[in-house]
Amino acid sequence: MARVVVDVMLKPEILDPQGQAVQRALPRLGFDGIADVRQGKRFELEVEGPVDDAALARIHEMAETFLANTVIEDFVVKVEGK
């Protein structure tokens, strides 16, 4: 089995209130020097069979229609171990 990772992040022009809350909390917890925080989602998919172009196209379609809101989020599909 192969593992495919889909990382989903808000587009740079979209405000990230969760990231901002984390950024504000870090100095209070003793973690200084962090200029910005963006929070996202990571999906790890265990794929049966080979991860060929057809499988990657299907995963890309899944990410575009279900895992990410492409109006406000970008995503990257990566095969781990390659």
PDB file of N, CA and C in Angstrom:
ATOM      1  N   MET A   1       0.842  -1.187   0.000  1.00  0.00           N
ATOM      2  CA  MET A   1       0.000   0.000   0.000  1.00  0.00           C
ATOM      3  C   MET A   1       0.878   1.237   0.000  1.00  0.00           C
ATOM      4  N   ALA A   2       0.419   2.235  -0.697  1.00  0.00           N
ATOM      5  CA  ALA A   2       1.131   3.513  -0.745  1.00  0.00           C
ATOM      6  C   ALA A   2       0.341   4.542   0.049  1.00  0.00           C
ATOM      7  N   ARG A   3       1.055   5.527   0.536  1.00  0.00           N
ATOM      8  CA  ARG A   3       0.408   6.618   1.273  1.00  0.00           C
ATOM      9  C   ARG A   3       0.479   7.879   0.420  1.00  0.00           C
ATOM     10  N   VAL A   4      -0.680   8.494   0.256  1.00  0.00           N
ATOM     11  CA  VAL A   4      -0.770   9.769  -0.441  1.00  0.00           C
ATOM     12  C   VAL A   4      -1.255  10.797   0.574  1.00  0.00           C
ATOM     13  N   VAL A   5      -0.588  11.940   0.604  1.00  0.00           N
ATOM     14  CA  VAL A   5      -0.920  13.001   1.546  1.00  0.00           C
ATOM     15  C   VAL A   5      -1.530  14.170   0.786  1.00  0.00           C
ATOM     16  N   VAL A   6      -2.647  14.669   1.305  1.00  0.00           N
ATOM     17  CA  VAL A   6      -3.267  15.873   0.764  1.00  0.00           C
ATOM     18  C   VAL A   6      -3.194  16.940   1.850  1.00  0.00           C
ATOM     19  N   ASP A   7      -2.421  17.985   1.584  1.00  0.00           N
ATOM     20  CA  ASP A   7      -2.316  19.115   2.510  1.00  0.00           C
ATOM     21  C   ASP A   7      -3.223  20.230   2.002  1.00  0.00           C
ATOM     22  N   VAL A   8      -4.084  20.737   2.886  1.00  0.00           N
ATOM     23  CA  VAL A   8      -5.041  21.780   2.535  1.00  0.00           C
ATOM     24  C   VAL A   8      -4.752  23.002   3.405  1.00  0.00           C
ATOM     25  N   MET A   9      -4.593  24.150   2.739  1.00  0.00           N
ATOM     26  CA  MET A   9      -4.332  25.402   3.456  1.00  0.00           C
ATOM     27  C   MET A   9      -5.238  26.496   2.910  1.00  0.00           C
ATOM     28  N   LEU A  10      -5.577  27.440   3.789  1.00  0.00           N
ATOM     29  CA  LEU A  10      -6.308  28.612   3.317  1.00  0.00           C
ATOM     30  C   LEU A  10      -5.445  29.363   2.314  1.00  0.00           C
ATOM     31  N   LYS A  11      -6.077  29.943   1.318  1.00  0.00           N
ATOM     32  CA  LYS A  11      -5.349  30.767   0.358  1.00  0.00           C
ATOM     33  C   LYS A  11      -4.731  31.945   1.104  1.00  0.00           C
ATOM     34  N   PRO A  12      -3.584  32.448   0.621  1.00  0.00           N
ATOM     35  CA  PRO A  12      -2.881  33.516   1.352  1.00  0.00           C
ATOM     36  C   PRO A  12      -3.730  34.758   1.607  1.00  0.00           C
ATOM     37  N   GLU A  13      -4.659  35.073   0.714  1.00  0.00           N
ATOM     38  CA  GLU A  13      -5.464  36.292   0.885  1.00  0.00           C
ATOM     39  C   GLU A  13      -6.642  36.105   1.843  1.00  0.00           C
ATOM     40  N   ILE A  14      -6.865  34.887   2.326  1.00  0.00           N
ATOM     41  CA  ILE A  14      -7.966  34.602   3.248  1.00  0.00           C
ATOM     42  C   ILE A  14      -7.459  34.716   4.684  1.00  0.00           C
ATOM     43  N   LEU A  15      -8.177  35.460   5.509  1.00  0.00           N
ATOM     44  CA  LEU A  15      -7.803  35.587   6.918  1.00  0.00           C
ATOM     45  C   LEU A  15      -7.891  34.228   7.606  1.00  0.00           C
ATOM     46  N   ASP A  16      -6.984  33.988   8.530  1.00  0.00           N
ATOM     47  CA  ASP A  16      -6.918  32.714   9.252  1.00  0.00           C
ATOM     48  C   ASP A  16      -7.065  32.983  10.746  1.00  0.00           C
ATOM     49  N   PRO A  17      -8.308  33.086  11.267  1.00  0.00           N
ATOM     50  CA  PRO A  17      -8.487  33.409  12.675  1.00  0.00           C
ATOM     51  C   PRO A  17      -7.897  32.369  13.619  1.00  0.00           C
ATOM     52  N   GLN A  18      -7.915  31.081  13.234  1.00  0.00           N
ATOM     53  CA  GLN A  18      -7.313  30.064  14.102  1.00  0.00           C
ATOM     54  C   GLN A  18      -5.800  30.244  14.156  1.00  0.00           C
ATOM     55  N   GLY A  19      -5.194  30.494  13.022  1.00  0.00           N
ATOM     56  CA  GLY A  19      -3.755  30.743  12.996  1.00  0.00           C
ATOM     57  C   GLY A  19      -3.394  31.976  13.806  1.00  0.00           C
ATOM     58  N   GLN A  20      -4.203  33.027  13.704  1.00  0.00           N
ATOM     59  CA  GLN A  20      -3.951  34.245  14.467  1.00  0.00           C
ATOM     60  C   GLN A  20      -4.064  33.998  15.964  1.00  0.00           C
ATOM     61  N   ALA A  21      -5.040  33.194  16.381  1.00  0.00           N
ATOM     62  CA  ALA A  21      -5.193  32.876  17.805  1.00  0.00           C
ATOM     63  C   ALA A  21      -3.974  32.115  18.316  1.00  0.00           C
ATOM     64  N   VAL A  22      -3.478  31.178  17.524  1.00  0.00           N
ATOM     65  CA  VAL A  22      -2.272  30.438  17.920  1.00  0.00           C
ATOM     66  C   VAL A  22      -1.095  31.387  18.003  1.00  0.00           C
ATOM     67  N   GLN A  23      -0.945  32.270  17.018  1.00  0.00           N
ATOM     68  CA  GLN A  23       0.167  33.219  17.002  1.00  0.00           C
ATOM     69  C   GLN A  23       0.154  34.114  18.245  1.00  0.00           C
ATOM     70  N   ARG A  24      -1.028  34.577  18.635  1.00  0.00           N
ATOM     71  CA  ARG A  24      -1.132  35.435  19.828  1.00  0.00           C
ATOM     72  C   ARG A  24      -0.817  34.666  21.108  1.00  0.00           C
ATOM     73  N   ALA A  25      -1.143  33.375  21.148  1.00  0.00           N
ATOM     74  CA  ALA A  25      -0.926  32.581  22.357  1.00  0.00           C
ATOM     75  C   ALA A  25       0.544  32.180  22.546  1.00  0.00           C
ATOM     76  N   LEU A  26       1.281  32.035  21.476  1.00  0.00           N
ATOM     77  CA  LEU A  26       2.650  31.525  21.576  1.00  0.00           C
ATOM     78  C   LEU A  26       3.548  32.341  22.508  1.00  0.00           C
ATOM     79  N   PRO A  27       3.597  33.679  22.409  1.00  0.00           N
ATOM     80  CA  PRO A  27       4.460  34.427  23.338  1.00  0.00           C
ATOM     81  C   PRO A  27       4.068  34.253  24.806  1.00  0.00           C
ATOM     82  N   ARG A  28       2.772  34.137  25.064  1.00  0.00           N
ATOM     83  CA  ARG A  28       2.316  33.929  26.447  1.00  0.00           C
ATOM     84  C   ARG A  28       2.793  32.588  26.989  1.00  0.00           C
ATOM     85  N   LEU A  29       3.046  31.651  26.080  1.00  0.00           N
ATOM     86  CA  LEU A  29       3.516  30.322  26.475  1.00  0.00           C
ATOM     87  C   LEU A  29       5.040  30.206  26.413  1.00  0.00           C
ATOM     88  N   GLY A  30       5.701  31.325  26.140  1.00  0.00           N
ATOM     89  CA  GLY A  30       7.156  31.320  26.120  1.00  0.00           C
ATOM     90  C   GLY A  30       7.776  31.000  24.774  1.00  0.00           C
ATOM     91  N   PHE A  31       7.007  31.004  23.716  1.00  0.00           N
ATOM     92  CA  PHE A  31       7.522  30.726  22.373  1.00  0.00           C
ATOM     93  C   PHE A  31       7.569  32.030  21.583  1.00  0.00           C
ATOM     94  N   ASP A  32       8.710  32.684  21.606  1.00  0.00           N
ATOM     95  CA  ASP A  32       8.871  33.971  20.934  1.00  0.00           C
ATOM     96  C   ASP A  32       9.470  33.784  19.543  1.00  0.00           C
ATOM     97  N   GLY A  33       9.370  34.826  18.731  1.00  0.00           N
ATOM     98  CA  GLY A  33      10.032  34.840  17.437  1.00  0.00           C
ATOM     99  C   GLY A  33       9.230  34.246  16.296  1.00  0.00           C
ATOM    100  N   ILE A  34       7.956  33.959  16.503  1.00  0.00           N
ATOM    101  CA  ILE A  34       7.130  33.428  15.429  1.00  0.00           C
ATOM    102  C   ILE A  34       6.366  34.588  14.809  1.00  0.00           C
ATOM    103  N   ALA A  35       6.634  34.862  13.526  1.00  0.00           N
ATOM    104  CA  ALA A  35       6.054  36.019  12.855  1.00  0.00           C
ATOM    105  C   ALA A  35       4.629  35.768  12.362  1.00  0.00           C
ATOM    106  N   ASP A  36       4.314  34.539  11.980  1.00  0.00           N
ATOM    107  CA  ASP A  36       2.986  34.260  11.435  1.00  0.00           C
ATOM    108  C   ASP A  36       2.670  32.777  11.607  1.00  0.00           C
ATOM    109  N   VAL A  37       1.401  32.460  11.738  1.00  0.00           N
ATOM    110  CA  VAL A  37       0.939  31.072  11.830  1.00  0.00           C
ATOM    111  C   VAL A  37      -0.246  30.919  10.895  1.00  0.00           C
ATOM    112  N   ARG A  38      -0.225  29.889  10.073  1.00  0.00           N
ATOM    113  CA  ARG A  38      -1.356  29.511   9.234  1.00  0.00           C
ATOM    114  C   ARG A  38      -1.715  28.077   9.595  1.00  0.00           C
ATOM    115  N   GLN A  39      -2.965  27.828   9.817  1.00  0.00           N
ATOM    116  CA  GLN A  39      -3.408  26.488  10.188  1.00  0.00           C
ATOM    117  C   GLN A  39      -4.082  25.832   8.998  1.00  0.00           C
ATOM    118  N   GLY A  40      -3.820  24.536   8.823  1.00  0.00           N
ATOM    119  CA  GLY A  40      -4.413  23.816   7.706  1.00  0.00           C
ATOM    120  C   GLY A  40      -4.873  22.430   8.117  1.00  0.00           C
ATOM    121  N   LYS A  41      -5.125  21.606   7.101  1.00  0.00           N
ATOM    122  CA  LYS A  41      -5.572  20.229   7.316  1.00  0.00           C
ATOM    123  C   LYS A  41      -4.645  19.304   6.540  1.00  0.00           C
ATOM    124  N   ARG A  42      -4.414  18.119   7.080  1.00  0.00           N
ATOM    125  CA  ARG A  42      -3.608  17.096   6.413  1.00  0.00           C
ATOM    126  C   ARG A  42      -4.416  15.808   6.381  1.00  0.00           C
ATOM    127  N   PHE A  43      -4.551  15.249   5.190  1.00  0.00           N
ATOM    128  CA  PHE A  43      -5.235  13.977   5.010  1.00  0.00           C
ATOM    129  C   PHE A  43      -4.209  12.959   4.534  1.00  0.00           C
ATOM    130  N   GLU A  44      -4.121  11.826   5.217  1.00  0.00           N
ATOM    131  CA  GLU A  44      -3.233  10.734   4.818  1.00  0.00           C
ATOM    132  C   GLU A  44      -4.101   9.603   4.287  1.00  0.00           C
ATOM    133  N   LEU A  45      -3.926   9.271   3.030  1.00  0.00           N
ATOM    134  CA  LEU A  45      -4.734   8.262   2.370  1.00  0.00           C
ATOM    135  C   LEU A  45      -3.884   7.036   2.079  1.00  0.00           C
ATOM    136  N   GLU A  46      -4.317   5.874   2.545  1.00  0.00           N
ATOM    137  CA  GLU A  46      -3.658   4.611   2.214  1.00  0.00           C
ATOM    138  C   GLU A  46      -4.323   4.090   0.948  1.00  0.00           C
ATOM    139  N   VAL A  47      -3.558   3.963  -0.110  1.00  0.00           N
ATOM    140  CA  VAL A  47      -4.092   3.623  -1.421  1.00  0.00           C
ATOM    141  C   VAL A  47      -3.786   2.170  -1.743  1.00  0.00           C
ATOM    142  N   GLU A  48      -4.817   1.433  -2.103  1.00  0.00           N
ATOM    143  CA  GLU A  48      -4.624   0.051  -2.546  1.00  0.00           C
ATOM    144  C   GLU A  48      -4.150   0.073  -3.989  1.00  0.00           C
ATOM    145  N   GLY A  49      -3.187  -0.758  -4.297  1.00  0.00           N
ATOM    146  CA  GLY A  49      -2.688  -0.831  -5.665  1.00  0.00           C
ATOM    147  C   GLY A  49      -1.697   0.270  -5.967  1.00  0.00           C
ATOM    148  N   PRO A  50      -1.275   0.359  -7.218  1.00  0.00           N
ATOM    149  CA  PRO A  50      -0.255   1.337  -7.598  1.00  0.00           C
ATOM    150  C   PRO A  50      -0.803   2.758  -7.603  1.00  0.00           C
ATOM    151  N   VAL A  51       0.061   3.689  -7.274  1.00  0.00           N
ATOM    152  CA  VAL A  51      -0.308   5.103  -7.339  1.00  0.00           C
ATOM    153  C   VAL A  51       0.202   5.622  -8.683  1.00  0.00           C
ATOM    154  N   ASP A  52      -0.575   5.335  -9.707  1.00  0.00           N
ATOM    155  CA  ASP A  52      -0.209   5.769 -11.053  1.00  0.00           C
ATOM    156  C   ASP A  52      -0.925   7.083 -11.373  1.00  0.00           C
ATOM    157  N   ASP A  53      -0.794   7.528 -12.617  1.00  0.00           N
ATOM    158  CA  ASP A  53      -1.409   8.797 -13.007  1.00  0.00           C
ATOM    159  C   ASP A  53      -2.927   8.783 -12.822  1.00  0.00           C
ATOM    160  N   ALA A  54      -3.553   7.645 -13.099  1.00  0.00           N
ATOM    161  CA  ALA A  54      -5.015   7.550 -12.938  1.00  0.00           C
ATOM    162  C   ALA A  54      -5.413   7.674 -11.472  1.00  0.00           C
ATOM    163  N   ALA A  55      -4.678   7.002 -10.584  1.00  0.00           N
ATOM    164  CA  ALA A  55      -4.980   7.083  -9.143  1.00  0.00           C
ATOM    165  C   ALA A  55      -4.770   8.506  -8.634  1.00  0.00           C
ATOM    166  N   LEU A  56      -3.685   9.139  -9.061  1.00  0.00           N
ATOM    167  CA  LEU A  56      -3.429  10.516  -8.632  1.00  0.00           C
ATOM    168  C   LEU A  56      -4.492  11.477  -9.161  1.00  0.00           C
ATOM    169  N   ALA A  57      -4.960  11.246 -10.371  1.00  0.00           N
ATOM    170  CA  ALA A  57      -6.023  12.092 -10.924  1.00  0.00           C
ATOM    171  C   ALA A  57      -7.298  11.940 -10.105  1.00  0.00           C
ATOM    172  N   ARG A  58      -7.597  10.719  -9.697  1.00  0.00           N
ATOM    173  CA  ARG A  58      -8.794  10.470  -8.877  1.00  0.00           C
ATOM    174  C   ARG A  58      -8.669  11.124  -7.502  1.00  0.00           C
ATOM    175  N   ILE A  59      -7.482  11.049  -6.904  1.00  0.00           N
ATOM    176  CA  ILE A  59      -7.253  11.689  -5.599  1.00  0.00           C
ATOM    177  C   ILE A  59      -7.319  13.201  -5.738  1.00  0.00           C
ATOM    178  N   HIS A  60      -6.794  13.730  -6.820  1.00  0.00           N
ATOM    179  CA  HIS A  60      -6.878  15.177  -7.073  1.00  0.00           C
ATOM    180  C   HIS A  60      -8.342  15.601  -7.176  1.00  0.00           C
ATOM    181  N   GLU A  61      -9.143  14.808  -7.885  1.00  0.00           N
ATOM    182  CA  GLU A  61     -10.574  15.092  -8.001  1.00  0.00           C
ATOM    183  C   GLU A  61     -11.254  15.038  -6.634  1.00  0.00           C
ATOM    184  N   MET A  62     -10.877  14.051  -5.815  1.00  0.00           N
ATOM    185  CA  MET A  62     -11.429  13.926  -4.461  1.00  0.00           C
ATOM    186  C   MET A  62     -11.097  15.160  -3.624  1.00  0.00           C
ATOM    187  N   ALA A  63      -9.858  15.592  -3.707  1.00  0.00           N
ATOM    188  CA  ALA A  63      -9.434  16.764  -2.939  1.00  0.00           C
ATOM    189  C   ALA A  63     -10.182  18.009  -3.392  1.00  0.00           C
ATOM    190  N   GLU A  64     -10.345  18.137  -4.696  1.00  0.00           N
ATOM    191  CA  GLU A  64     -10.987  19.322  -5.253  1.00  0.00           C
ATOM    192  C   GLU A  64     -12.475  19.387  -4.944  1.00  0.00           C
ATOM    193  N   THR A  65     -13.140  18.228  -4.871  1.00  0.00           N
ATOM    194  CA  THR A  65     -14.595  18.229  -4.675  1.00  0.00           C
ATOM    195  C   THR A  65     -15.028  17.971  -3.240  1.00  0.00           C
ATOM    196  N   PHE A  66     -14.146  17.376  -2.417  1.00  0.00           N
ATOM    197  CA  PHE A  66     -14.581  16.969  -1.086  1.00  0.00           C
ATOM    198  C   PHE A  66     -13.659  17.441   0.042  1.00  0.00           C
ATOM    199  N   LEU A  67     -12.349  17.275  -0.110  1.00  0.00           N
ATOM    200  CA  LEU A  67     -11.428  17.556   0.991  1.00  0.00           C
ATOM    201  C   LEU A  67     -11.143  19.042   1.167  1.00  0.00           C
ATOM    202  N   ALA A  68     -11.183  19.801   0.083  1.00  0.00           N
ATOM    203  CA  ALA A  68     -10.869  21.230   0.155  1.00  0.00           C
ATOM    204  C   ALA A  68     -12.033  22.051  -0.382  1.00  0.00           C
ATOM    205  N   ASN A  69     -12.205  23.220   0.184  1.00  0.00           N
ATOM    206  CA  ASN A  69     -13.132  24.210  -0.356  1.00  0.00           C
ATOM    207  C   ASN A  69     -12.285  25.110  -1.255  1.00  0.00           C
ATOM    208  N   THR A  70     -12.291  24.832  -2.544  1.00  0.00           N
ATOM    209  CA  THR A  70     -11.356  25.501  -3.447  1.00  0.00           C
ATOM    210  C   THR A  70     -11.642  26.990  -3.650  1.00  0.00           C
ATOM    211  N   VAL A  71     -12.747  27.479  -3.128  1.00  0.00           N
ATOM    212  CA  VAL A  71     -13.004  28.916  -3.170  1.00  0.00           C
ATOM    213  C   VAL A  71     -12.038  29.635  -2.236  1.00  0.00           C
ATOM    214  N   ILE A  72     -11.754  29.023  -1.069  1.00  0.00           N
ATOM    215  CA  ILE A  72     -10.902  29.679  -0.072  1.00  0.00           C
ATOM    216  C   ILE A  72      -9.647  28.884   0.283  1.00  0.00           C
ATOM    217  N   GLU A  73      -9.516  27.657  -0.231  1.00  0.00           N
ATOM    218  CA  GLU A  73      -8.383  26.810   0.141  1.00  0.00           C
ATOM    219  C   GLU A  73      -7.626  26.314  -1.092  1.00  0.00           C
ATOM    220  N   ASP A  74      -6.320  26.146  -0.914  1.00  0.00           N
ATOM    221  CA  ASP A  74      -5.467  25.482  -1.890  1.00  0.00           C
ATOM    222  C   ASP A  74      -5.111  24.112  -1.332  1.00  0.00           C
ATOM    223  N   PHE A  75      -4.718  23.194  -2.210  1.00  0.00           N
ATOM    224  CA  PHE A  75      -4.290  21.883  -1.731  1.00  0.00           C
ATOM    225  C   PHE A  75      -3.130  21.378  -2.572  1.00  0.00           C
ATOM    226  N   VAL A  76      -2.356  20.477  -1.960  1.00  0.00           N
ATOM    227  CA  VAL A  76      -1.227  19.830  -2.623  1.00  0.00           C
ATOM    228  C   VAL A  76      -1.359  18.332  -2.374  1.00  0.00           C
ATOM    229  N   VAL A  77      -1.173  17.543  -3.418  1.00  0.00           N
ATOM    230  CA  VAL A  77      -1.211  16.080  -3.323  1.00  0.00           C
ATOM    231  C   VAL A  77       0.214  15.578  -3.471  1.00  0.00           C
ATOM    232  N   LYS A  78       0.668  14.752  -2.502  1.00  0.00           N
ATOM    233  CA  LYS A  78       2.026  14.209  -2.526  1.00  0.00           C
ATOM    234  C   LYS A  78       1.964  12.709  -2.231  1.00  0.00           C
ATOM    235  N   VAL A  79       2.833  11.961  -2.898  1.00  0.00           N
ATOM    236  CA  VAL A  79       2.994  10.544  -2.599  1.00  0.00           C
ATOM    237  C   VAL A  79       4.157  10.438  -1.632  1.00  0.00           C
ATOM    238  N   GLU A  80       3.928   9.855  -0.448  1.00  0.00           N
ATOM    239  CA  GLU A  80       5.005   9.711   0.536  1.00  0.00           C
ATOM    240  C   GLU A  80       5.931   8.557   0.139  1.00  0.00           C
ATOM    241  N   GLY A  81       7.205   8.726   0.462  1.00  0.00           N
ATOM    242  CA  GLY A  81       8.166   7.681   0.206  1.00  0.00           C
ATOM    243  C   GLY A  81       8.752   7.726  -1.175  1.00  0.00           C
ATOM    244  N   LYS A  82       8.449   8.763  -1.941  1.00  0.00           N
ATOM    245  CA  LYS A  82       9.012   8.914  -3.277  1.00  0.00           C
ATOM    246  C   LYS A  82      10.093   9.960  -3.274  1.00  0.00           C
TER     247      LYS A  82
END
